[in-house]
Amino acid sequence: MKISRVIVIVLDSVGIGELPDAADYGDMGSNTLQNLATAVGGLNLPALGGLGLGNIISIPGIFPMPSKGCFGKMREASVGKDTTVGHWEIAGIISQKPFPVYPQGFPEDVINAFTTTIGRGMLGNKPASGTQIIQELGEEHIRTGWPIIYTSADSVFQIAAHEEIIPLAELYHICEIARELLVGQHQVARVIARPFIGQPGSLKRTAGRKDFSVSPPGETILNLLCEAGYETIGVGKIGDIFVGSGLTKSIPTHSNAEGIKQTIECLKQDFEGMVFVNLVDFDMLYGHRNDIDGYKRALEEFDQALPEIIHIMRETDLLIITADHGCDPTTPSTDHSREFVPLLVYGAAIKSGVNLGICQTFAAVGQTIADIFEVKGIAPLTVGMSFWEKIR
């Protein structure tokens, strides 16, 4: 039976154990799923367990069992542990050079060029938690009208501003200026608009976040499918991560729940092609904040929604669930972690219970989709292979 639609759901940051080179990134001992499950006394994820999650590694509360899906894990072949790099690799691009990071803040020449161009000063310029820095500098921002600049362990240039001081349209324009300035050695993966509202002492971020990403450096599976006349729908951050490249439709969302709802709505439509979904709350709300209970709750909420996604799938649909990196909430670090990611594959038209082992690159997903739709163009990879022949 020919597959007509592939749904790829990225559980942002849900890693499954340190990679062999984790020590190079300071991530020894990271294992987002296993450590989280241990910390909370076991996870209750029957739907994911039924697809084979407990067969990949030992996870308290999720037991090995005969699975309805195929299962394995993937290692990252790219250099880095960034959201952009991870998603690009899933789609077929292996990055040999990491995006720059700024643990001491951005250099003076970068900041001077930025403030000169926007005609304002700036506040901050340091690594920080987004929720904390607006409390720290929000009052001064309101008084001066200067945007708050901060970064993290990721390759990001984040610009926070009160919506009544710098309206959204103006904030987005400032981000576009930063994006144009940050090139060459300072080409960060993402410039991010971080609007907030409220009064000093009770400031809170809004849903107006917008990412201004670097364009992919080559063709991805999205481009190949689009050029072949298939629909390619991005849900959540996908449109930002790929800067719209190769997408016939982009559906931004503001939460996991909204992303799940939009995915279900997409599957009710009649089309052939690919739905690429990012569920960001695991990473943004819980991993980076070391919120163990929140992370557990988010996983269980996704697991509760998964049967509805499976129920609405057609016989010719294929579901792939994976991740883009780790972000272990049980470690002292609040940054991404260099980890394997889970690989769960399900569909009525494929085999069940197949152990896919370890794929040597996330790009195994992109290559598999290329095989399914018989589109060619992704350059042969030195590591990693399509797993289509194993599951068909």
Protein backbone atom coordinates (compact mmCIF):
# COMPACT_ATOMS: atom_id res chain seq x y z
CA MET A 1 0.00 0.00 0.00
CA LYS A 2 1.42 3.39 -1.00
CA ILE A 3 1.88 6.00 1.73
CA SER A 4 0.13 9.24 0.80
CA ARG A 5 0.89 11.39 3.87
CA VAL A 6 3.71 11.50 6.43
CA ILE A 7 3.24 13.27 9.77
CA VAL A 8 6.47 14.13 11.59
CA ILE A 9 5.96 15.32 15.17
CA VAL A 10 9.01 16.76 16.92
CA LEU A 11 8.73 16.67 20.71
CA ASP A 12 11.09 19.59 21.19
CA SER A 13 13.94 18.61 23.55
CA VAL A 14 12.71 15.11 24.48
CA GLY A 15 16.13 13.44 24.37
CA ILE A 16 16.80 9.83 25.29
CA GLY A 17 20.39 9.64 26.51
CA GLU A 18 23.78 11.29 26.12
CA LEU A 19 25.62 10.97 22.81
CA PRO A 20 29.19 9.61 22.78
CA ASP A 21 30.52 13.16 22.37
CA ALA A 22 28.31 14.64 25.13
CA ALA A 23 31.39 15.47 27.23
CA ASP A 24 32.54 17.90 24.53
CA TYR A 25 29.35 19.87 25.21
CA GLY A 26 29.38 19.56 28.99
CA ASP A 27 26.41 17.18 28.91
CA MET A 28 27.70 14.00 30.54
CA GLY A 29 24.88 12.24 32.39
CA SER A 30 22.06 13.97 30.49
CA ASN A 31 19.09 11.75 29.66
CA THR A 32 15.96 13.84 29.45
CA LEU A 33 13.37 11.05 29.44
CA GLN A 34 15.08 8.57 31.74
CA ASN A 35 16.24 11.10 34.34
CA LEU A 36 12.85 12.81 34.35
CA ALA A 37 11.05 9.49 34.82
CA THR A 38 13.38 8.59 37.69
CA ALA A 39 12.88 11.98 39.36
CA VAL A 40 9.07 11.75 39.30
CA GLY A 41 8.84 8.08 40.24
CA GLY A 42 7.88 6.87 36.77
CA LEU A 43 6.06 8.27 33.73
CA ASN A 44 2.56 7.23 32.68
CA LEU A 45 2.71 7.25 28.87
CA PRO A 46 0.65 4.26 27.66
CA ALA A 47 0.16 5.52 24.09
CA LEU A 48 3.87 6.20 23.50
CA GLY A 49 4.68 2.96 25.30
CA GLY A 50 2.36 1.12 22.93
CA LEU A 51 4.37 2.45 19.99
CA GLY A 52 7.56 1.06 21.51
CA LEU A 53 9.03 3.87 23.61
CA GLY A 54 9.87 1.50 26.47
CA ASN A 55 11.71 -0.80 24.06
CA ILE A 56 14.34 1.84 23.19
CA ILE A 57 15.89 2.32 26.65
CA SER A 58 14.90 1.63 30.24
CA ILE A 59 12.43 4.32 31.35
CA PRO A 60 10.79 4.03 34.79
CA GLY A 61 7.06 3.52 34.35
CA ILE A 62 7.30 2.61 30.63
CA PHE A 63 7.88 -1.10 30.16
CA PRO A 64 9.12 -3.05 27.14
CA MET A 65 6.20 -4.65 25.30
CA PRO A 66 5.12 -5.92 21.88
CA SER A 67 4.63 -2.64 20.05
CA LYS A 68 2.18 -1.40 17.44
CA GLY A 69 4.96 0.75 16.00
CA CYS A 70 8.58 0.53 14.95
CA PHE A 71 11.14 1.97 17.34
CA GLY A 72 14.75 3.05 17.66
CA LYS A 73 16.84 6.12 18.32
CA MET A 74 18.89 8.56 16.26
CA ARG A 75 22.20 10.28 16.90
CA GLU A 76 22.96 13.80 15.77
CA ALA A 77 25.57 13.97 13.03
CA SER A 78 25.60 17.78 12.94
CA VAL A 79 27.87 19.88 15.12
CA GLY A 80 25.81 21.52 17.85
CA LYS A 81 22.63 20.91 19.81
CA ASP A 82 20.45 23.73 18.55
CA THR A 83 16.79 23.63 17.54
CA THR A 84 17.58 24.90 14.06
CA VAL A 85 20.41 22.43 13.47
CA GLY A 86 18.28 19.53 14.76
CA HIS A 87 15.30 20.29 12.54
CA TRP A 88 17.47 20.92 9.50
CA GLU A 89 19.12 17.54 10.03
CA ILE A 90 15.74 15.79 10.30
CA ALA A 91 14.90 17.36 6.93
CA GLY A 92 18.18 16.29 5.31
CA ILE A 93 20.88 18.88 6.03
CA ILE A 94 23.88 18.00 8.20
CA SER A 95 25.59 21.09 9.62
CA GLN A 96 29.39 20.87 9.87
CA LYS A 97 29.85 24.19 11.67
CA PRO A 98 28.04 25.30 14.82
CA PHE A 99 26.22 28.58 15.05
CA PRO A 100 28.04 31.11 17.28
CA VAL A 101 27.07 31.49 20.93
CA TYR A 102 27.81 34.38 23.27
CA PRO A 103 28.26 33.33 26.91
CA GLN A 104 29.75 36.78 27.69
CA GLY A 105 27.19 38.74 25.68
CA PHE A 106 27.61 40.20 22.22
CA PRO A 107 30.81 42.08 21.28
CA GLU A 108 30.89 45.85 21.34
CA ASP A 109 31.05 46.25 17.57
CA VAL A 110 27.87 44.19 17.12
CA ILE A 111 25.98 46.16 19.77
CA ASN A 112 27.22 49.53 18.45
CA ALA A 113 26.10 48.69 14.91
CA PHE A 114 22.72 47.60 16.21
CA THR A 115 22.03 50.63 18.42
CA THR A 116 23.28 53.05 15.76
CA THR A 117 20.96 51.55 13.15
CA ILE A 118 17.84 51.49 15.34
CA GLY A 119 18.56 54.93 16.84
CA ARG A 120 18.18 53.75 20.44
CA GLY A 121 20.36 52.50 23.25
CA MET A 122 19.94 49.01 24.66
CA LEU A 123 19.81 47.24 28.01
CA GLY A 124 21.16 43.88 29.12
CA ASN A 125 23.45 42.20 26.60
CA LYS A 126 24.08 39.05 28.60
CA PRO A 127 22.88 35.45 28.88
CA ALA A 128 19.69 35.39 30.90
CA SER A 129 16.33 33.80 31.52
CA GLY A 130 13.73 35.65 29.49
CA THR A 131 11.23 35.75 32.32
CA GLN A 132 13.82 36.99 34.81
CA ILE A 133 15.48 39.66 32.69
CA ILE A 134 12.22 41.51 32.04
CA GLN A 135 11.66 41.69 35.80
CA GLU A 136 15.22 42.89 36.29
CA LEU A 137 15.30 45.51 33.51
CA GLY A 138 11.63 46.07 32.69
CA GLU A 139 11.24 49.27 34.71
CA GLU A 140 14.37 50.82 33.15
CA HIS A 141 13.15 49.75 29.71
CA ILE A 142 9.81 51.49 30.27
CA ARG A 143 11.63 54.63 31.41
CA THR A 144 14.21 54.77 28.59
CA GLY A 145 12.42 53.07 25.71
CA TRP A 146 15.55 50.99 25.08
CA PRO A 147 15.06 47.34 24.08
CA ILE A 148 16.40 44.56 26.29
CA ILE A 149 18.99 42.39 24.55
CA TYR A 150 19.88 38.96 25.90
CA THR A 151 21.04 35.54 24.76
CA SER A 152 21.37 32.01 26.15
CA ALA A 153 23.48 28.92 25.57
CA ASP A 154 21.66 28.67 22.23
CA SER A 155 22.67 30.71 19.22
CA VAL A 156 20.08 33.46 19.70
CA PHE A 157 19.88 37.26 19.77
CA GLN A 158 16.72 37.96 21.76
CA ILE A 159 15.04 41.36 21.89
CA ALA A 160 12.48 41.99 24.63
CA ALA A 161 10.21 45.03 24.67
CA HIS A 162 7.01 46.17 26.34
CA GLU A 163 4.22 46.29 23.76
CA GLU A 164 3.17 49.79 24.92
CA ILE A 165 6.72 51.12 24.66
CA ILE A 166 7.80 49.44 21.43
CA PRO A 167 4.69 48.19 19.56
CA LEU A 168 4.84 44.75 17.97
CA ALA A 169 5.29 46.01 14.40
CA GLU A 170 8.23 48.14 15.49
CA LEU A 171 9.75 45.32 17.53
CA TYR A 172 9.56 43.02 14.53
CA HIS A 173 11.21 45.69 12.38
CA ILE A 174 14.03 46.02 14.93
CA CYS A 175 14.47 42.24 14.79
CA GLU A 176 14.69 42.40 11.00
CA ILE A 177 17.45 44.99 11.35
CA ALA A 178 19.32 42.73 13.77
CA ARG A 179 18.88 39.79 11.39
CA GLU A 180 20.47 41.80 8.55
CA LEU A 181 23.37 42.89 10.76
CA LEU A 182 24.14 39.46 12.22
CA VAL A 183 26.03 37.89 9.34
CA GLY A 184 29.42 36.25 8.78
CA GLN A 185 31.06 35.17 12.03
CA HIS A 186 28.11 36.58 13.99
CA GLN A 187 25.37 34.79 12.05
CA VAL A 188 23.29 33.51 14.95
CA ALA A 189 20.70 30.84 14.24
CA ARG A 190 17.77 32.97 15.37
CA VAL A 191 16.84 36.54 16.23
CA ILE A 192 13.79 36.34 18.50
CA ALA A 193 11.22 39.02 19.30
CA ARG A 194 10.12 38.70 22.94
CA PRO A 195 7.25 41.13 23.67
CA PHE A 196 5.79 41.56 27.14
CA ILE A 197 3.11 43.55 28.95
CA GLY A 198 2.19 44.63 32.47
CA GLN A 199 3.64 46.87 35.15
CA PRO A 200 6.99 46.61 36.99
CA GLY A 201 6.71 43.76 39.45
CA SER A 202 4.09 41.95 37.36
CA LEU A 203 5.52 41.88 33.84
CA LYS A 204 4.72 38.86 31.68
CA ARG A 205 5.58 37.74 28.18
CA THR A 206 2.89 37.61 25.51
CA ALA A 207 2.17 35.25 22.62
CA GLY A 208 3.67 37.73 20.14
CA ARG A 209 7.02 35.93 20.00
CA LYS A 210 8.44 35.76 16.50
CA ASP A 211 11.61 34.05 15.29
CA PHE A 212 13.79 35.40 12.49
CA SER A 213 15.90 32.43 11.46
CA VAL A 214 18.73 31.80 9.03
CA SER A 215 17.57 30.23 5.79
CA PRO A 216 18.56 26.57 5.26
CA PRO A 217 21.82 26.34 3.26
CA GLY A 218 20.44 23.76 0.82
CA GLU A 219 17.44 21.75 -0.28
CA THR A 220 15.49 19.81 2.32
CA ILE A 221 12.85 17.12 2.02
CA LEU A 222 10.32 19.97 2.24
CA ASN A 223 11.73 21.54 -0.93
CA LEU A 224 11.78 18.21 -2.77
CA LEU A 225 8.19 17.41 -1.90
CA CYS A 226 7.00 20.92 -2.72
CA GLU A 227 8.77 20.87 -6.10
CA ALA A 228 7.16 17.49 -6.84
CA GLY A 229 3.70 18.96 -6.27
CA TYR A 230 2.98 17.62 -2.78
CA GLU A 231 1.55 19.64 0.08
CA THR A 232 4.04 20.52 2.84
CA ILE A 233 2.46 21.94 5.99
CA GLY A 234 4.46 23.33 8.89
CA VAL A 235 2.80 23.49 12.32
CA GLY A 236 4.27 25.51 15.19
CA LYS A 237 7.85 26.83 14.83
CA ILE A 238 8.49 24.97 11.57
CA GLY A 239 7.73 28.01 9.42
CA ASP A 240 10.26 30.08 11.40
CA ILE A 241 12.93 27.37 11.51
CA PHE A 242 12.87 26.92 7.73
CA VAL A 243 12.01 30.58 6.97
CA GLY A 244 9.08 29.26 4.94
CA SER A 245 11.39 27.42 2.54
CA GLY A 246 9.69 24.40 1.01
CA LEU A 247 6.38 24.97 2.80
CA THR A 248 3.08 25.28 1.00
CA LYS A 249 1.39 26.30 4.26
CA SER A 250 2.57 27.45 7.68
CA ILE A 251 0.39 27.35 10.81
CA PRO A 252 1.98 29.17 13.79
CA THR A 253 0.90 28.03 17.25
CA HIS A 254 1.46 29.23 20.80
CA SER A 255 1.29 25.99 22.80
CA ASN A 256 1.50 22.23 22.58
CA ALA A 257 -2.28 21.99 22.89
CA GLU A 258 -2.76 24.33 19.94
CA GLY A 259 -0.13 22.44 17.92
CA ILE A 260 -1.90 19.13 18.58
CA LYS A 261 -5.27 20.65 17.66
CA GLN A 262 -3.92 22.08 14.40
CA THR A 263 -2.28 18.75 13.54
CA ILE A 264 -5.61 16.98 13.95
CA GLU A 265 -7.33 19.61 11.82
CA CYS A 266 -4.71 19.13 9.10
CA LEU A 267 -5.30 15.38 9.07
CA LYS A 268 -9.01 15.94 8.48
CA GLN A 269 -8.15 17.60 5.17
CA ASP A 270 -7.72 15.79 1.86
CA PHE A 271 -4.16 16.15 0.55
CA GLU A 272 -1.00 14.21 -0.21
CA GLY A 273 2.34 15.18 1.29
CA MET A 274 3.85 15.97 4.67
CA VAL A 275 2.85 17.61 7.94
CA PHE A 276 5.87 18.74 9.97
CA VAL A 277 5.01 19.63 13.58
CA ASN A 278 7.04 21.18 16.38
CA LEU A 279 5.68 21.01 19.94
CA VAL A 280 7.82 23.56 21.76
CA ASP A 281 6.45 23.63 25.32
CA PHE A 282 8.63 20.72 26.50
CA ASP A 283 11.72 22.83 25.76
CA MET A 284 10.61 26.43 26.15
CA LEU A 285 8.43 26.16 29.25
CA TYR A 286 9.87 23.20 31.13
CA GLY A 287 13.31 22.05 29.96
CA HIS A 288 14.95 25.47 30.05
CA ARG A 289 13.34 26.21 33.41
CA ASN A 290 14.23 22.84 34.97
CA ASP A 291 10.53 22.39 35.68
CA ILE A 292 10.36 18.64 36.28
CA ASP A 293 6.67 18.50 37.17
CA GLY A 294 5.71 20.69 34.20
CA TYR A 295 7.74 18.53 31.82
CA LYS A 296 6.07 15.37 33.15
CA ARG A 297 2.63 16.93 32.80
CA ALA A 298 3.33 18.05 29.21
CA LEU A 299 4.45 14.55 28.21
CA GLU A 300 1.37 12.99 29.72
CA GLU A 301 -0.89 15.53 28.00
CA PHE A 302 0.67 14.68 24.65
CA ASP A 303 0.30 10.98 25.36
CA GLN A 304 -3.39 11.48 26.15
CA ALA A 305 -3.86 13.29 22.82
CA LEU A 306 -1.90 10.75 20.76
CA PRO A 307 -4.76 8.20 20.43
CA GLU A 308 -6.92 10.85 18.75
CA ILE A 309 -4.15 11.60 16.27
CA ILE A 310 -3.79 7.88 15.53
CA HIS A 311 -7.55 7.42 15.28
CA ILE A 312 -7.93 10.10 12.64
CA MET A 313 -5.02 8.83 10.54
CA ARG A 314 -5.86 7.16 7.24
CA GLU A 315 -4.63 3.70 6.28
CA THR A 316 -2.14 5.38 3.95
CA ASP A 317 -0.75 7.75 6.61
CA LEU A 318 2.61 7.31 8.34
CA LEU A 319 3.39 8.88 11.73
CA ILE A 320 6.96 9.61 12.86
CA ILE A 321 7.56 10.89 16.40
CA THR A 322 11.03 12.14 17.32
CA ALA A 323 12.92 15.09 18.87
CA ASP A 324 15.58 17.62 17.89
CA HIS A 325 17.92 17.53 20.94
CA GLY A 326 17.66 17.09 24.70
CA CYS A 327 17.05 19.54 27.54
CA ASP A 328 17.29 17.53 30.73
CA PRO A 329 15.32 19.34 33.47
CA THR A 330 16.97 17.31 36.22
CA THR A 331 20.52 18.62 35.68
CA PRO A 332 21.87 21.94 37.01
CA SER A 333 22.14 23.22 33.44
CA THR A 334 19.14 24.98 31.90
CA ASP A 335 20.54 24.55 28.38
CA HIS A 336 20.00 22.04 25.60
CA SER A 337 21.79 18.71 26.00
CA ARG A 338 23.63 16.65 23.39
CA GLU A 339 21.49 13.49 23.30
CA PHE A 340 20.12 10.71 21.18
CA VAL A 341 16.48 11.28 20.22
CA PRO A 342 13.69 8.68 20.14
CA LEU A 343 12.31 7.37 16.87
CA LEU A 344 8.78 5.97 16.81
CA VAL A 345 7.11 5.07 13.51
CA TYR A 346 3.51 3.95 13.10
CA GLY A 347 1.06 3.31 10.28
CA ALA A 348 -1.52 0.77 9.18
CA ALA A 349 0.42 0.15 5.96
CA ILE A 350 3.77 -0.70 7.57
CA LYS A 351 5.18 -3.45 9.76
CA SER A 352 4.95 -3.30 13.54
CA GLY A 353 7.45 -4.24 16.22
CA VAL A 354 10.54 -3.58 14.08
CA ASN A 355 13.61 -2.52 16.09
CA LEU A 356 15.28 0.15 13.96
CA GLY A 357 18.33 0.25 16.21
CA ILE A 358 20.46 3.39 16.09
CA CYS A 359 20.22 5.64 13.04
CA GLN A 360 23.51 7.47 12.60
CA THR A 361 21.86 10.78 11.70
CA PHE A 362 18.51 12.50 12.21
CA ALA A 363 18.48 12.78 8.39
CA ALA A 364 17.36 9.14 8.28
CA VAL A 365 13.87 10.65 8.60
CA GLY A 366 14.28 12.91 5.57
CA GLN A 367 15.84 10.11 3.50
CA THR A 368 13.00 7.74 4.43
CA ILE A 369 10.38 10.28 3.38
CA ALA A 370 12.27 10.83 0.11
CA ASP A 371 12.08 7.07 -0.52
CA ILE A 372 8.39 6.93 0.35
CA PHE A 373 7.47 9.64 -2.13
CA GLU A 374 10.20 8.66 -4.62
CA VAL A 375 11.65 12.17 -4.76
CA LYS A 376 15.36 12.57 -5.32
CA GLY A 377 17.75 15.39 -4.66
CA ILE A 378 19.04 15.18 -1.09
CA ALA A 379 22.77 14.56 -1.46
CA PRO A 380 23.88 11.06 -0.40
CA LEU A 381 24.99 11.15 3.23
CA THR A 382 28.21 9.69 4.58
CA VAL A 383 26.29 8.32 7.56
CA GLY A 384 22.71 7.27 7.99
CA MET A 385 20.32 5.49 5.71
CA SER A 386 16.62 5.41 4.97
CA PHE A 387 14.73 2.87 7.08
CA TRP A 388 11.89 2.53 4.56
CA GLU A 389 12.86 -0.96 3.41
CA LYS A 390 12.88 -2.19 7.01
CA ILE A 391 9.31 -1.14 7.73
CA ARG A 392 7.39 -1.38 4.45
